Structure formats: structure tokens, C-alpha cells
């Protein structure tokens, strides 16, 4: 019989697999081939899937201190990256091409969320 921890691990694994499938290049395009609007949608989908995973984890009562540290770190990253994604999407929706620095920052922070690492 599966224990609660096993169920959570299975659910998280499935969510990560779905995220990888959804986070793959949009409609067969590479990231470089995507329009800024497509990139903004892609960024927000990764953010949303990571945030959903965070919400599942944060309510667990059996977290280790390391897991708590990772969740605290993720919370900081969420607070930083969401406004950056909104800014990027705002640029893209207005027809302005967002800067490479903003795109690089967002992708870097999203990667940190997916890696589950706390610095």
C-alpha cells in the first residue's frame, strides 16, 4: 500500500513530466524561434506548474529541514520572477521586443525553480 509520501512523490513526478512536455518548445518551435508572446506564454506555463507543485509541497506536515529550505527559497524566486514575467508579457503584448537581459533573467530563475535547489 502506498504511503502519503509515496503518493506525493508520484504526483510530483507526474507534474514534472507534464511540465517538461508542456515546457518543450511550443508547437515544434525552439525557444529562439518563438515570438515574444509565445515565450511569455511558455514562461507563465512553467511558472504556474512550479507554483502548483509548491502549493502541494508547502502543506505537507512531514517536510525535512532541507525541504523547508528549498520551499523558502522557491517562495523568494516566485516573488522575483512573477513581476519579471508580467513585464516581459507586457512588452510582448504591446509589440515591443523585450530585452535579452530580461529574458535571460526569467529563464535562469525558472530553471532554479525546476531544479529544486536552494542557494
C-alpha atoms as a PDB file:
ATOM      1  CA  UNK A   1       0.000   0.000   0.000  1.00  0.00           C
ATOM      2  CA  UNK A   2       1.279   3.468  -0.873  1.00  0.00           C
ATOM      3  CA  UNK A   3       2.049   5.831   1.941  1.00  0.00           C
ATOM      4  CA  UNK A   4       1.237   9.545   1.778  1.00  0.00           C
ATOM      5  CA  UNK A   5       4.850  10.353   0.941  1.00  0.00           C
ATOM      6  CA  UNK A   6       4.818   7.851  -1.946  1.00  0.00           C
ATOM      7  CA  UNK A   7       1.629   9.380  -3.318  1.00  0.00           C
ATOM      8  CA  UNK A   8       3.110  12.875  -3.127  1.00  0.00           C
ATOM      9  CA  UNK A   9       6.325  11.756  -4.821  1.00  0.00           C
ATOM     10  CA  UNK A  10       4.305  10.077  -7.579  1.00  0.00           C
ATOM     11  CA  UNK A  11       2.143  13.169  -8.084  1.00  0.00           C
ATOM     12  CA  UNK A  12       5.170  15.444  -8.165  1.00  0.00           C
ATOM     13  CA  UNK A  13       6.890  13.171 -10.666  1.00  0.00           C
ATOM     14  CA  UNK A  14       3.827  13.228 -12.899  1.00  0.00           C
ATOM     15  CA  UNK A  15       3.604  17.009 -12.635  1.00  0.00           C
ATOM     16  CA  UNK A  16       7.259  17.385 -13.574  1.00  0.00           C
ATOM     17  CA  UNK A  17       6.790  15.093 -16.563  1.00  0.00           C
ATOM     18  CA  UNK A  18       3.766  17.142 -17.681  1.00  0.00           C
ATOM     19  CA  UNK A  19       5.747  20.327 -17.206  1.00  0.00           C
ATOM     20  CA  UNK A  20       8.585  19.013 -19.306  1.00  0.00           C
ATOM     21  CA  UNK A  21       6.147  18.042 -22.037  1.00  0.00           C
ATOM     22  CA  UNK A  22       4.346  21.398 -21.835  1.00  0.00           C
ATOM     23  CA  UNK A  23       7.578  23.314 -21.402  1.00  0.00           C
ATOM     24  CA  UNK A  24       9.088  21.846 -24.518  1.00  0.00           C
ATOM     25  CA  UNK A  25       9.257  24.169 -27.444  1.00  0.00           C
ATOM     26  CA  UNK A  26       5.845  25.475 -28.381  1.00  0.00           C
ATOM     27  CA  UNK A  27       4.302  23.829 -31.468  1.00  0.00           C
ATOM     28  CA  UNK A  28       7.600  22.303 -32.525  1.00  0.00           C
ATOM     29  CA  UNK A  29       9.493  25.593 -32.329  1.00  0.00           C
ATOM     30  CA  UNK A  30      12.718  26.103 -30.468  1.00  0.00           C
ATOM     31  CA  UNK A  31      12.880  28.867 -27.908  1.00  0.00           C
ATOM     32  CA  UNK A  32      14.799  31.016 -30.383  1.00  0.00           C
ATOM     33  CA  UNK A  33      12.056  30.554 -32.999  1.00  0.00           C
ATOM     34  CA  UNK A  34       9.222  31.572 -30.661  1.00  0.00           C
ATOM     35  CA  UNK A  35       7.712  35.016 -30.812  1.00  0.00           C
ATOM     36  CA  UNK A  36       7.900  37.131 -27.649  1.00  0.00           C
ATOM     37  CA  UNK A  37       4.201  36.387 -26.972  1.00  0.00           C
ATOM     38  CA  UNK A  38       4.813  32.651 -27.302  1.00  0.00           C
ATOM     39  CA  UNK A  39       7.793  32.928 -24.966  1.00  0.00           C
ATOM     40  CA  UNK A  40       5.687  34.824 -22.415  1.00  0.00           C
ATOM     41  CA  UNK A  41       3.054  32.079 -22.541  1.00  0.00           C
ATOM     42  CA  UNK A  42       5.738  29.419 -22.205  1.00  0.00           C
ATOM     43  CA  UNK A  43       7.314  31.240 -19.239  1.00  0.00           C
ATOM     44  CA  UNK A  44       3.977  31.607 -17.458  1.00  0.00           C
ATOM     45  CA  UNK A  45       3.105  27.946 -18.003  1.00  0.00           C
ATOM     46  CA  UNK A  46       6.356  26.884 -16.340  1.00  0.00           C
ATOM     47  CA  UNK A  47       5.792  29.371 -13.514  1.00  0.00           C
ATOM     48  CA  UNK A  48       2.240  28.093 -12.971  1.00  0.00           C
ATOM     49  CA  UNK A  49       3.243  24.429 -12.925  1.00  0.00           C
ATOM     50  CA  UNK A  50       6.072  25.129 -10.478  1.00  0.00           C
ATOM     51  CA  UNK A  51       3.755  27.182  -8.282  1.00  0.00           C
ATOM     52  CA  UNK A  52       1.180  24.368  -8.288  1.00  0.00           C
ATOM     53  CA  UNK A  53       3.908  21.962  -7.178  1.00  0.00           C
ATOM     54  CA  UNK A  54       4.966  24.433  -4.469  1.00  0.00           C
ATOM     55  CA  UNK A  55       1.380  24.624  -3.200  1.00  0.00           C
ATOM     56  CA  UNK A  56       1.240  20.827  -2.923  1.00  0.00           C
ATOM     57  CA  UNK A  57       4.520  20.640  -1.049  1.00  0.00           C
ATOM     58  CA  UNK A  58       4.068  23.550   1.346  1.00  0.00           C
ATOM     59  CA  UNK A  59       1.079  21.939   3.085  1.00  0.00           C
ATOM     60  CA  UNK A  60       2.913  18.728   3.873  1.00  0.00           C
ATOM     61  CA  UNK A  61       3.493  18.129   7.560  1.00  0.00           C
ATOM     62  CA  UNK A  62       6.388  15.683   7.142  1.00  0.00           C
ATOM     63  CA  UNK A  63       8.881  18.046   5.485  1.00  0.00           C
ATOM     64  CA  UNK A  64      12.531  17.761   6.342  1.00  0.00           C
ATOM     65  CA  UNK A  65      14.509  20.900   7.124  1.00  0.00           C
ATOM     66  CA  UNK A  66      16.159  20.647   3.700  1.00  0.00           C
ATOM     67  CA  UNK A  67      12.749  20.529   2.011  1.00  0.00           C
ATOM     68  CA  UNK A  68      11.623  23.529   4.054  1.00  0.00           C
ATOM     69  CA  UNK A  69      14.737  25.400   2.973  1.00  0.00           C
ATOM     70  CA  UNK A  70      14.010  24.626  -0.685  1.00  0.00           C
ATOM     71  CA  UNK A  71      10.414  25.820  -0.299  1.00  0.00           C
ATOM     72  CA  UNK A  72      11.529  29.063   1.357  1.00  0.00           C
ATOM     73  CA  UNK A  73      13.951  29.620  -1.494  1.00  0.00           C
ATOM     74  CA  UNK A  74      11.269  28.877  -4.086  1.00  0.00           C
ATOM     75  CA  UNK A  75       8.980  31.410  -2.428  1.00  0.00           C
ATOM     76  CA  UNK A  76      11.663  34.074  -2.901  1.00  0.00           C
ATOM     77  CA  UNK A  77      12.152  33.100  -6.538  1.00  0.00           C
ATOM     78  CA  UNK A  78       8.390  33.192  -7.190  1.00  0.00           C
ATOM     79  CA  UNK A  79       8.258  36.716  -5.735  1.00  0.00           C
ATOM     80  CA  UNK A  80      11.087  37.843  -8.006  1.00  0.00           C
ATOM     81  CA  UNK A  81      10.220  36.112 -11.260  1.00  0.00           C
ATOM     82  CA  UNK A  82       6.463  36.775 -11.450  1.00  0.00           C
ATOM     83  CA  UNK A  83       6.782  40.565 -11.889  1.00  0.00           C
ATOM     84  CA  UNK A  84       9.556  39.964 -14.438  1.00  0.00           C
ATOM     85  CA  UNK A  85       7.290  37.638 -16.444  1.00  0.00           C
ATOM     86  CA  UNK A  86       4.474  40.196 -16.263  1.00  0.00           C
ATOM     87  CA  UNK A  87       6.863  42.896 -17.506  1.00  0.00           C
ATOM     88  CA  UNK A  88       8.058  40.639 -20.333  1.00  0.00           C
ATOM     89  CA  UNK A  89       4.457  39.801 -21.322  1.00  0.00           C
ATOM     90  CA  UNK A  90       3.521  43.483 -21.197  1.00  0.00           C
ATOM     91  CA  UNK A  91       6.331  44.326 -23.587  1.00  0.00           C
ATOM     92  CA  UNK A  92       5.402  41.442 -25.872  1.00  0.00           C
ATOM     93  CA  UNK A  93       1.699  42.366 -25.902  1.00  0.00           C
ATOM     94  CA  UNK A  94       2.480  45.989 -26.750  1.00  0.00           C
ATOM     95  CA  UNK A  95       4.631  44.966 -29.697  1.00  0.00           C
ATOM     96  CA  UNK A  96       7.922  45.913 -28.047  1.00  0.00           C
ATOM     97  CA  UNK A  97      10.576  43.207 -28.206  1.00  0.00           C
ATOM     98  CA  UNK A  98      11.687  42.504 -24.637  1.00  0.00           C
ATOM     99  CA  UNK A  99      15.401  42.751 -23.939  1.00  0.00           C
ATOM    100  CA  UNK A 100      17.631  39.710 -23.885  1.00  0.00           C
ATOM    101  CA  UNK A 101      18.701  40.514 -20.308  1.00  0.00           C
ATOM    102  CA  UNK A 102      15.114  40.264 -19.048  1.00  0.00           C
ATOM    103  CA  UNK A 103      14.553  37.012 -20.928  1.00  0.00           C
ATOM    104  CA  UNK A 104      17.805  35.550 -19.598  1.00  0.00           C
ATOM    105  CA  UNK A 105      16.916  36.528 -16.027  1.00  0.00           C
ATOM    106  CA  UNK A 106      13.479  34.917 -16.254  1.00  0.00           C
ATOM    107  CA  UNK A 107      14.739  31.692 -17.810  1.00  0.00           C
ATOM    108  CA  UNK A 108      17.531  31.460 -15.244  1.00  0.00           C
ATOM    109  CA  UNK A 109      15.109  31.887 -12.349  1.00  0.00           C
ATOM    110  CA  UNK A 110      12.629  29.402 -13.835  1.00  0.00           C
ATOM    111  CA  UNK A 111      15.460  26.887 -14.143  1.00  0.00           C
ATOM    112  CA  UNK A 112      16.236  27.398 -10.459  1.00  0.00           C
ATOM    113  CA  UNK A 113      12.618  26.610  -9.618  1.00  0.00           C
ATOM    114  CA  UNK A 114      12.709  23.423 -11.676  1.00  0.00           C
ATOM    115  CA  UNK A 115      15.991  22.255 -10.174  1.00  0.00           C
ATOM    116  CA  UNK A 116      14.599  22.379  -6.612  1.00  0.00           C
ATOM    117  CA  UNK A 117      17.840  23.836  -5.329  1.00  0.00           C
ATOM    118  CA  UNK A 118      18.210  26.363  -2.557  1.00  0.00           C
ATOM    119  CA  UNK A 119      21.283  28.514  -2.703  1.00  0.00           C
END
